[in-house]
N, C-alpha and C. Protein backbone atom coordinates (compact mmCIF):
# COMPACT_ATOMS: atom_id res chain seq x y z
N MET A 1 147.03 118.87 159.87
CA MET A 1 146.45 117.97 159.03
C MET A 1 144.90 118.20 158.87
N PHE A 2 144.15 116.98 158.77
CA PHE A 2 142.71 117.04 158.72
C PHE A 2 142.17 116.44 160.09
N SER A 3 141.08 117.14 160.36
CA SER A 3 140.41 116.56 161.49
C SER A 3 138.99 116.19 161.13
N LYS A 4 138.70 114.86 161.12
CA LYS A 4 137.54 114.31 160.57
C LYS A 4 136.35 114.65 161.57
N SER A 5 136.65 114.82 162.90
CA SER A 5 135.49 115.26 163.76
C SER A 5 134.80 116.52 163.40
N LYS A 6 135.70 117.49 163.11
CA LYS A 6 135.19 118.83 162.77
C LYS A 6 134.44 118.86 161.43
N ILE A 7 134.71 117.98 160.45
CA ILE A 7 133.78 118.01 159.30
C ILE A 7 132.33 117.38 159.73
N ASN A 8 132.38 116.32 160.55
CA ASN A 8 131.19 115.67 160.78
C ASN A 8 130.32 116.32 161.88
N ASP A 9 130.87 117.32 162.75
CA ASP A 9 130.24 118.04 163.74
C ASP A 9 129.12 118.84 163.08
N PRO A 10 127.93 118.96 163.63
CA PRO A 10 126.96 119.88 162.93
C PRO A 10 127.26 121.40 163.30
N ALA A 11 126.51 122.06 164.02
CA ALA A 11 126.65 123.46 164.14
C ALA A 11 127.82 123.96 165.04
N PRO A 12 128.19 123.21 166.18
CA PRO A 12 129.31 123.66 167.09
C PRO A 12 130.62 123.80 166.27
N SER A 13 130.93 123.17 165.19
CA SER A 13 132.09 123.16 164.51
C SER A 13 132.70 124.59 164.17
N LYS A 14 131.66 125.63 163.82
CA LYS A 14 132.09 126.95 163.53
C LYS A 14 132.72 127.59 164.75
N ASN A 15 131.96 127.58 165.98
CA ASN A 15 132.56 128.12 167.04
C ASN A 15 133.78 127.31 167.60
N ALA A 16 133.83 126.01 167.39
CA ALA A 16 135.09 125.25 167.91
C ALA A 16 136.25 125.43 167.03
N ASP A 17 135.98 125.82 165.80
CA ASP A 17 137.17 126.11 164.87
C ASP A 17 137.80 127.51 165.45
N ALA A 18 136.96 128.36 165.74
CA ALA A 18 137.50 129.77 166.00
C ALA A 18 138.08 129.67 167.40
N ALA A 19 137.49 128.90 168.27
CA ALA A 19 138.07 128.78 169.68
C ALA A 19 139.34 127.94 169.67
N ALA A 20 139.48 126.91 169.03
CA ALA A 20 140.52 125.96 169.03
C ALA A 20 141.71 126.55 168.31
N LYS A 21 141.70 127.17 167.25
CA LYS A 21 142.74 127.69 166.44
C LYS A 21 142.86 129.30 166.44
N PRO A 22 143.96 129.81 166.53
CA PRO A 22 144.13 131.20 166.47
C PRO A 22 143.82 131.60 165.05
N SER A 23 143.22 132.68 164.73
CA SER A 23 142.93 133.08 163.25
C SER A 23 144.14 133.31 162.42
N ALA A 24 145.32 133.79 163.14
CA ALA A 24 146.48 134.13 162.37
C ALA A 24 147.13 132.80 161.72
N THR A 25 147.02 131.74 162.34
CA THR A 25 147.67 130.40 161.87
C THR A 25 146.92 129.80 160.72
N THR A 26 145.56 130.17 160.60
CA THR A 26 144.73 129.40 159.60
C THR A 26 144.20 130.43 158.51
N PRO A 27 144.40 130.09 157.29
CA PRO A 27 143.88 131.01 156.18
C PRO A 27 142.33 130.95 156.22
N SER A 28 141.74 132.21 155.75
CA SER A 28 140.31 132.22 155.94
C SER A 28 139.59 131.42 154.80
N ALA A 29 140.16 131.04 153.70
CA ALA A 29 139.55 130.25 152.78
C ALA A 29 139.22 128.89 153.26
N PRO A 30 140.14 128.06 153.88
CA PRO A 30 139.79 126.83 154.35
C PRO A 30 138.69 126.84 155.34
N GLN A 31 138.61 127.83 156.08
CA GLN A 31 137.60 127.91 157.22
C GLN A 31 136.24 128.10 156.59
N THR A 32 136.06 128.86 155.53
CA THR A 32 134.67 128.88 154.78
C THR A 32 134.26 127.67 154.17
N SER A 33 135.28 126.92 153.61
CA SER A 33 135.04 125.66 153.00
C SER A 33 134.72 124.66 154.05
N ALA A 34 135.31 124.68 155.29
CA ALA A 34 135.03 123.73 156.36
C ALA A 34 133.57 124.12 156.80
N GLN A 35 133.21 125.50 156.84
CA GLN A 35 131.92 125.75 157.32
C GLN A 35 130.83 125.46 156.29
N THR A 36 131.10 125.36 155.05
CA THR A 36 130.09 125.05 154.08
C THR A 36 129.95 123.38 154.01
N SER A 37 131.08 122.72 154.34
CA SER A 37 130.90 121.29 154.23
C SER A 37 129.75 120.50 154.98
N PRO A 38 129.60 120.96 156.22
CA PRO A 38 128.52 120.36 157.08
C PRO A 38 127.14 120.61 156.38
N SER A 39 126.90 121.85 155.89
CA SER A 39 125.59 122.07 155.22
C SER A 39 125.32 121.30 154.01
N GLU A 40 126.43 121.10 153.27
CA GLU A 40 126.36 120.31 152.14
C GLU A 40 126.12 118.95 152.50
N PHE A 41 126.74 118.35 153.53
CA PHE A 41 126.46 117.01 154.01
C PHE A 41 124.97 116.87 154.41
N LYS A 42 124.47 117.89 155.06
CA LYS A 42 123.06 117.77 155.60
C LYS A 42 122.12 117.74 154.41
N ALA A 43 122.33 118.50 153.31
CA ALA A 43 121.56 118.60 152.20
C ALA A 43 121.35 117.26 151.49
N SER A 44 122.54 116.37 151.49
CA SER A 44 122.50 115.17 150.89
C SER A 44 121.73 114.02 151.67
N ALA A 45 121.49 114.23 152.91
CA ALA A 45 120.93 113.28 153.76
C ALA A 45 119.41 113.00 153.30
N PRO A 46 118.91 111.79 153.23
CA PRO A 46 117.59 111.62 152.91
C PRO A 46 116.66 112.19 153.86
N LYS A 47 115.56 112.70 153.24
CA LYS A 47 114.38 113.40 154.00
C LYS A 47 113.61 112.37 154.59
N PRO A 48 113.13 112.61 155.80
CA PRO A 48 112.15 111.73 156.46
C PRO A 48 110.85 111.66 155.84
N LYS A 49 110.15 110.60 155.85
CA LYS A 49 108.86 110.46 155.19
C LYS A 49 107.90 111.29 156.05
N PRO A 50 107.07 112.09 155.27
CA PRO A 50 106.19 113.01 155.94
C PRO A 50 105.00 112.17 156.49
N PRO A 51 104.26 112.58 157.48
CA PRO A 51 103.16 111.85 157.86
C PRO A 51 101.95 111.76 156.86
N ALA A 52 101.15 110.99 157.12
CA ALA A 52 99.90 110.78 156.28
C ALA A 52 99.07 112.20 156.25
N SER A 53 98.55 112.52 155.21
CA SER A 53 97.53 113.57 155.18
C SER A 53 96.28 113.05 155.80
N LEU A 54 95.76 113.81 156.66
CA LEU A 54 94.38 113.39 157.40
C LEU A 54 93.33 114.36 156.83
N LEU A 55 92.24 113.72 156.39
CA LEU A 55 90.98 114.39 155.98
C LEU A 55 89.87 113.94 157.23
N SER A 56 89.69 115.04 158.01
CA SER A 56 88.86 114.73 159.20
C SER A 56 87.46 114.37 158.87
N ALA A 57 86.69 113.86 159.79
CA ALA A 57 85.45 113.37 159.70
C ALA A 57 84.39 114.45 159.38
N ASP A 58 84.76 115.68 159.68
CA ASP A 58 83.83 116.81 159.36
C ASP A 58 84.09 117.52 158.01
N LEU A 59 85.06 116.78 157.28
CA LEU A 59 85.49 117.38 155.93
C LEU A 59 84.80 116.64 154.78
N HIS A 60 84.20 117.59 153.83
CA HIS A 60 83.44 116.89 152.60
C HIS A 60 84.43 117.52 151.41
N VAL A 61 84.89 116.59 150.59
CA VAL A 61 85.62 116.96 149.38
C VAL A 61 85.09 116.46 148.23
N THR A 62 84.84 117.50 147.30
CA THR A 62 84.28 117.16 145.92
C THR A 62 85.39 117.48 144.91
N GLY A 63 85.95 116.32 144.33
CA GLY A 63 86.93 116.57 143.36
C GLY A 63 88.02 115.43 143.60
N ASN A 64 88.96 115.29 142.69
CA ASN A 64 89.87 114.24 142.63
C ASN A 64 91.16 114.67 143.40
N MET A 65 91.73 113.63 144.11
CA MET A 65 93.05 113.90 144.84
C MET A 65 94.10 112.96 144.34
N LYS A 66 95.32 113.42 144.23
CA LYS A 66 96.49 112.67 143.80
C LYS A 66 97.72 113.07 144.63
N THR A 67 98.36 112.07 145.07
CA THR A 67 99.69 112.22 145.86
C THR A 67 100.46 111.00 145.79
N THR A 68 101.83 111.18 145.95
CA THR A 68 102.74 110.16 146.03
C THR A 68 102.92 109.69 147.49
N GLY A 69 102.36 110.41 148.34
CA GLY A 69 102.41 110.19 149.73
C GLY A 69 101.16 109.30 150.34
N ASP A 70 100.98 109.42 151.69
CA ASP A 70 99.85 108.55 152.30
C ASP A 70 98.61 109.54 152.57
N ILE A 71 97.45 108.95 152.60
CA ILE A 71 96.30 109.58 152.92
C ILE A 71 95.47 108.85 153.75
N GLN A 72 94.96 109.47 154.88
CA GLN A 72 93.95 108.84 155.69
C GLN A 72 92.70 109.56 155.70
N VAL A 73 91.65 108.96 155.26
CA VAL A 73 90.27 109.66 155.02
C VAL A 73 89.37 109.22 156.20
N GLU A 74 88.80 110.35 156.92
CA GLU A 74 87.80 110.07 157.89
C GLU A 74 86.54 110.67 157.44
N GLY A 75 86.61 111.61 156.59
CA GLY A 75 85.39 112.38 156.06
C GLY A 75 84.73 111.74 154.71
N THR A 76 84.21 112.58 154.08
CA THR A 76 83.47 112.19 152.69
C THR A 76 84.24 112.61 151.54
N VAL A 77 84.48 111.92 150.64
CA VAL A 77 85.05 112.34 149.22
C VAL A 77 84.24 111.88 148.15
N GLU A 78 83.93 112.86 147.25
CA GLU A 78 83.17 112.44 146.08
C GLU A 78 84.19 112.92 144.93
N GLY A 79 84.86 111.77 144.50
CA GLY A 79 85.89 111.93 143.47
C GLY A 79 86.93 110.78 143.57
N ASP A 80 87.85 110.72 142.60
CA ASP A 80 88.82 109.71 142.64
C ASP A 80 90.05 110.06 143.62
N ILE A 81 90.56 108.98 144.11
CA ILE A 81 91.81 109.21 144.98
C ILE A 81 92.86 108.32 144.52
N ARG A 82 94.06 108.88 144.42
CA ARG A 82 95.41 108.07 144.03
C ARG A 82 96.34 108.45 145.18
N ALA A 83 97.02 107.44 145.67
CA ALA A 83 97.88 107.71 146.80
C ALA A 83 98.81 106.44 146.87
N HIS A 84 99.88 106.60 147.67
CA HIS A 84 100.68 105.43 147.99
C HIS A 84 100.02 104.54 148.99
N LEU A 85 99.79 105.04 150.03
CA LEU A 85 98.96 104.16 151.16
C LEU A 85 97.80 105.05 151.37
N LEU A 86 96.59 104.34 151.22
CA LEU A 86 95.31 105.05 151.53
C LEU A 86 94.59 104.20 152.56
N THR A 87 94.21 104.94 153.68
CA THR A 87 93.58 104.35 154.76
C THR A 87 92.15 104.99 154.82
N ILE A 88 91.05 104.29 154.57
CA ILE A 88 89.78 104.68 154.76
C ILE A 88 89.25 104.46 156.16
N GLY A 89 88.98 105.42 156.90
CA GLY A 89 88.37 105.25 158.34
C GLY A 89 87.03 104.74 158.32
N GLU A 90 86.68 104.31 159.54
CA GLU A 90 85.37 103.70 159.76
C GLU A 90 84.18 104.74 159.46
N SER A 91 84.35 106.09 159.65
CA SER A 91 83.36 107.02 159.43
C SER A 91 83.50 107.54 157.99
N ALA A 92 84.37 107.12 157.14
CA ALA A 92 84.62 107.68 155.79
C ALA A 92 83.73 107.05 154.80
N THR A 93 83.31 107.89 153.87
CA THR A 93 82.66 107.46 152.65
C THR A 93 83.32 107.98 151.37
N ILE A 94 83.65 107.16 150.38
CA ILE A 94 84.24 107.54 149.23
C ILE A 94 83.31 107.09 148.10
N LYS A 95 83.05 108.14 147.25
CA LYS A 95 82.34 107.79 146.10
C LYS A 95 83.11 108.19 144.74
N GLY A 96 83.82 107.14 144.36
CA GLY A 96 84.79 107.33 143.21
C GLY A 96 85.67 106.22 143.13
N GLU A 97 86.61 106.35 142.29
CA GLU A 97 87.78 105.23 142.10
C GLU A 97 88.91 105.51 143.05
N VAL A 98 89.37 104.40 143.70
CA VAL A 98 90.52 104.37 144.57
C VAL A 98 91.63 103.70 144.04
N ILE A 99 92.81 104.34 143.89
CA ILE A 99 93.94 103.77 143.35
C ILE A 99 95.16 103.90 144.26
N ALA A 100 95.73 102.79 144.73
CA ALA A 100 96.88 102.95 145.72
C ALA A 100 97.65 101.67 145.73
N ASP A 101 98.91 101.90 146.12
CA ASP A 101 99.87 100.65 146.33
C ASP A 101 99.24 99.92 147.37
N ASP A 102 98.78 100.52 148.51
CA ASP A 102 98.25 99.75 149.69
C ASP A 102 97.03 100.45 149.96
N VAL A 103 95.96 99.68 150.08
CA VAL A 103 94.62 100.26 150.54
C VAL A 103 94.02 99.50 151.67
N VAL A 104 93.69 100.22 152.71
CA VAL A 104 93.12 99.58 153.99
C VAL A 104 91.79 100.26 154.20
N ILE A 105 90.76 99.43 154.03
CA ILE A 105 89.32 99.95 154.06
C ILE A 105 88.67 99.57 155.33
N ASN A 106 88.22 100.58 156.10
CA ASN A 106 87.59 100.44 157.26
C ASN A 106 86.09 101.09 157.18
N GLY A 107 86.02 101.75 156.24
CA GLY A 107 84.82 102.52 156.00
C GLY A 107 84.09 102.17 154.68
N ARG A 108 83.40 103.11 154.04
CA ARG A 108 82.43 102.74 152.83
C ARG A 108 83.11 103.31 151.58
N ILE A 109 83.16 102.47 150.61
CA ILE A 109 83.46 102.91 149.21
C ILE A 109 82.44 102.42 148.14
N VAL A 110 82.05 103.43 147.47
CA VAL A 110 81.24 103.13 146.25
C VAL A 110 81.88 103.52 145.09
N GLY A 111 82.53 102.45 144.41
CA GLY A 111 83.25 102.74 143.25
C GLY A 111 84.39 101.59 143.15
N ARG A 112 85.24 101.61 142.09
CA ARG A 112 86.27 100.76 141.87
C ARG A 112 87.43 100.83 142.83
N VAL A 113 88.12 99.86 143.26
CA VAL A 113 89.25 99.89 143.98
C VAL A 113 90.33 99.24 143.40
N ARG A 114 91.54 99.84 143.10
CA ARG A 114 92.68 99.28 142.46
C ARG A 114 93.82 99.34 143.44
N GLY A 115 94.55 98.21 143.71
CA GLY A 115 95.56 98.31 144.62
C GLY A 115 96.63 97.05 144.53
N LEU A 116 97.78 97.26 144.84
CA LEU A 116 98.66 96.08 145.00
C LEU A 116 98.25 95.21 146.18
N LYS A 117 98.10 95.83 147.25
CA LYS A 117 97.63 95.16 148.36
C LYS A 117 96.33 95.78 148.85
N VAL A 118 95.26 95.13 148.94
CA VAL A 118 93.89 95.61 149.44
C VAL A 118 93.54 94.88 150.52
N ARG A 119 93.11 95.54 151.54
CA ARG A 119 92.51 94.91 152.78
C ARG A 119 91.21 95.51 153.26
N LEU A 120 90.25 94.59 153.43
CA LEU A 120 88.92 94.98 153.83
C LEU A 120 88.85 94.46 155.25
N THR A 121 88.66 95.48 156.27
CA THR A 121 88.44 95.11 157.65
C THR A 121 87.09 94.75 157.97
N SER A 122 86.83 94.18 159.00
CA SER A 122 85.48 93.77 159.42
C SER A 122 84.43 94.86 159.36
N THR A 123 84.87 96.10 159.40
CA THR A 123 83.87 97.28 159.26
C THR A 123 83.75 97.87 157.85
N ALA A 124 84.42 97.27 156.95
CA ALA A 124 84.40 97.81 155.51
C ALA A 124 83.04 97.50 154.81
N ARG A 125 82.69 98.49 153.92
CA ARG A 125 81.49 98.22 153.01
C ARG A 125 82.00 98.73 151.77
N VAL A 126 82.06 97.83 150.81
CA VAL A 126 82.51 98.08 149.47
C VAL A 126 81.48 97.66 148.42
N GLU A 127 81.06 98.74 147.61
CA GLU A 127 80.21 98.47 146.55
C GLU A 127 80.90 98.84 145.19
N GLY A 128 81.44 97.85 144.58
CA GLY A 128 82.14 98.01 143.39
C GLY A 128 83.18 97.08 143.14
N ASP A 129 83.84 97.01 142.05
CA ASP A 129 84.87 95.94 141.83
C ASP A 129 86.28 96.37 142.37
N ILE A 130 86.93 95.17 142.69
CA ILE A 130 88.33 95.28 143.44
C ILE A 130 89.31 94.68 142.50
N ILE A 131 90.23 95.37 141.94
CA ILE A 131 91.25 94.74 141.30
C ILE A 131 92.54 94.86 142.10
N HIS A 132 93.23 93.86 142.16
CA HIS A 132 94.23 93.78 143.21
C HIS A 132 95.41 92.72 142.76
N LYS A 133 96.48 92.87 143.44
CA LYS A 133 97.62 91.90 143.35
C LYS A 133 97.50 90.87 144.47
N THR A 134 97.24 91.34 145.77
CA THR A 134 96.96 90.70 146.83
C THR A 134 95.83 91.15 147.58
N ILE A 135 94.93 90.32 148.14
CA ILE A 135 93.70 90.81 148.94
C ILE A 135 93.46 90.11 150.13
N ALA A 136 93.01 90.83 151.17
CA ALA A 136 92.64 90.16 152.43
C ALA A 136 91.25 90.73 152.81
N ILE A 137 90.20 89.80 153.09
CA ILE A 137 88.96 90.38 153.48
C ILE A 137 88.56 89.72 154.87
N GLU A 138 88.51 90.47 155.70
CA GLU A 138 88.17 90.01 157.24
C GLU A 138 86.81 89.70 157.35
N SER A 139 86.36 88.67 158.28
CA SER A 139 85.11 88.38 158.51
C SER A 139 84.27 89.41 158.96
N GLY A 140 83.19 89.57 158.45
CA GLY A 140 82.20 90.81 158.86
C GLY A 140 82.24 91.88 157.77
N ALA A 141 83.15 91.88 156.90
CA ALA A 141 83.24 93.00 155.86
C ALA A 141 82.08 92.65 154.82
N HIS A 142 81.48 93.80 154.39
CA HIS A 142 80.39 93.70 153.36
C HIS A 142 80.97 94.07 152.03
N PHE A 143 80.81 93.30 151.06
CA PHE A 143 81.37 93.50 149.57
C PHE A 143 80.42 93.10 148.66
N GLU A 144 80.14 94.04 147.82
CA GLU A 144 79.25 93.68 146.52
C GLU A 144 80.00 94.12 145.26
N GLY A 145 80.34 93.18 144.58
CA GLY A 145 81.12 93.56 143.29
C GLY A 145 81.94 92.31 142.95
N SER A 146 82.83 92.50 141.95
CA SER A 146 83.68 91.40 141.57
C SER A 146 85.18 91.67 142.01
N VAL A 147 85.89 90.65 142.11
CA VAL A 147 87.19 90.65 142.52
C VAL A 147 88.11 90.09 141.45
N GLN A 148 89.10 90.82 141.03
CA GLN A 148 89.92 90.36 139.96
C GLN A 148 91.31 90.54 140.25
N ARG A 149 92.24 89.57 140.15
CA ARG A 149 93.54 89.58 140.32
C ARG A 149 94.33 90.03 139.10
N GLN A 150 95.25 91.09 139.10
CA GLN A 150 96.13 91.39 138.08
C GLN A 150 97.51 91.60 138.64
N ASP A 151 98.49 91.34 137.81
CA ASP A 151 99.84 91.60 138.12
C ASP A 151 100.18 93.04 138.34
N ASP A 152 99.70 93.90 137.67
CA ASP A 152 99.83 95.34 137.66
C ASP A 152 98.34 95.96 137.69
N PRO A 153 97.76 96.00 138.96
CA PRO A 153 96.47 96.52 139.04
C PRO A 153 96.36 98.04 138.98
N LEU A 154 97.51 98.68 139.18
CA LEU A 154 97.53 100.18 139.13
C LEU A 154 97.41 100.67 137.82
N ASN A 155 97.63 99.98 136.78
CA ASN A 155 97.60 100.37 135.27
C ASN A 155 96.26 99.93 134.83
N PRO A 156 95.41 100.87 134.57
CA PRO A 156 94.03 100.49 134.07
C PRO A 156 94.03 99.70 132.81
N GLY A 157 95.08 99.87 131.94
CA GLY A 157 95.10 99.15 130.58
C GLY A 157 95.64 97.68 130.66
N SER A 158 95.99 97.40 131.98
CA SER A 158 96.80 96.07 131.98
C SER A 158 95.67 95.00 131.92
N LYS A 159 96.12 93.76 131.56
CA LYS A 159 95.18 92.70 131.32
C LYS A 159 95.27 91.69 132.59
N THR A 160 94.23 90.82 132.77
CA THR A 160 94.30 89.92 133.92
C THR A 160 95.34 88.85 133.53
N SER A 161 95.35 87.76 134.38
CA SER A 161 96.35 86.69 134.30
C SER A 161 95.98 86.09 132.89
N PRO A 162 97.00 85.54 132.29
CA PRO A 162 96.93 84.89 130.89
C PRO A 162 95.92 83.76 130.71
N VAL A 163 95.68 83.12 131.82
CA VAL A 163 94.83 81.88 131.80
C VAL A 163 93.40 82.28 131.91
N PRO A 164 92.44 81.98 131.07
CA PRO A 164 91.03 82.54 131.20
C PRO A 164 90.41 81.54 132.13
N LYS A 165 89.43 82.07 132.86
CA LYS A 165 88.68 81.23 133.98
C LYS A 165 87.93 80.14 133.24
N GLY A 166 87.24 80.41 132.16
CA GLY A 166 86.47 79.50 131.54
C GLY A 166 87.04 78.32 130.77
N ASN A 167 88.35 78.17 130.71
CA ASN A 167 89.02 77.14 129.91
C ASN A 167 89.74 76.24 130.76
N PRO A 168 89.13 75.18 131.39
CA PRO A 168 89.82 74.17 132.30
C PRO A 168 91.04 73.54 131.61
N ALA A 169 90.91 73.36 130.21
CA ALA A 169 91.89 72.57 129.56
C ALA A 169 93.24 73.46 129.38
N ALA A 170 93.18 74.65 129.82
CA ALA A 170 94.36 75.43 129.58
C ALA A 170 95.42 75.01 130.62
N GLY A 171 95.14 74.55 131.87
CA GLY A 171 96.04 73.95 132.73
C GLY A 171 96.73 75.05 133.49
N ASN A 172 97.74 74.57 134.25
CA ASN A 172 98.46 75.61 135.09
C ASN A 172 99.48 76.23 134.31
N PRO A 173 99.56 77.66 134.34
CA PRO A 173 100.62 78.31 133.49
C PRO A 173 102.03 78.07 133.99
N SER A 174 102.12 77.66 135.25
CA SER A 174 103.62 77.55 135.72
C SER A 174 104.20 76.12 135.29
N THR A 175 103.46 75.21 134.71
CA THR A 175 103.85 73.89 134.23
C THR A 175 104.28 74.00 132.75
N SER A 176 104.04 75.01 132.10
CA SER A 176 104.35 75.10 130.59
C SER A 176 105.71 75.72 130.43
C-alpha cells in the first residue's frame, strides 16, 4: 500500500526505500516518482524572508534604490529610496525622497518621507515633509517641515483626507 512517512521524509527516503524493499518486488517507475515527490514538496514550501540589506557607515551611494525587501542604512545616500521596511541608522544621512511601508528614522533625512508607518526616534533629524498614515515622534527628535496624513501615502497622486483643515463647518466626516 502507501507509506505516508516515506513521502514526507526528506533525503533519507531514497536510501530507506532501497534498504527496506528488495528491488525485485518494486517496479522502478514508482521509485522515481517517490524520489521526485519530496523535491516537489520542498519547492512549494514558502521561502523564508531574507535579512535586511545593510548599507554600512563607510558606504556612500549616489543614485536611487528600489526593493520589495528591507533596507538598513548606516551610510550616506544621495537619491531616492523605496523599500518595504526602511531603517535609517544614527550615523546615516539621506538626501532624497524616502518611500516605504514602514520607516524608522534614527539618523538624518533631507527630503520628503512617505510611509504607512513613520517613526522618528529621539536621535532623528528630518528636514522635509512627512506624508503618513500613522506617525510617532519621540521626544528629542528634530523635525522641520510639514506633516500630512493620507490614507494612501505611498501613492504620490493620492489626495489628503476629504475634510479641509480650514473649514470648521464641514464637521466630522464619520457623522455624515
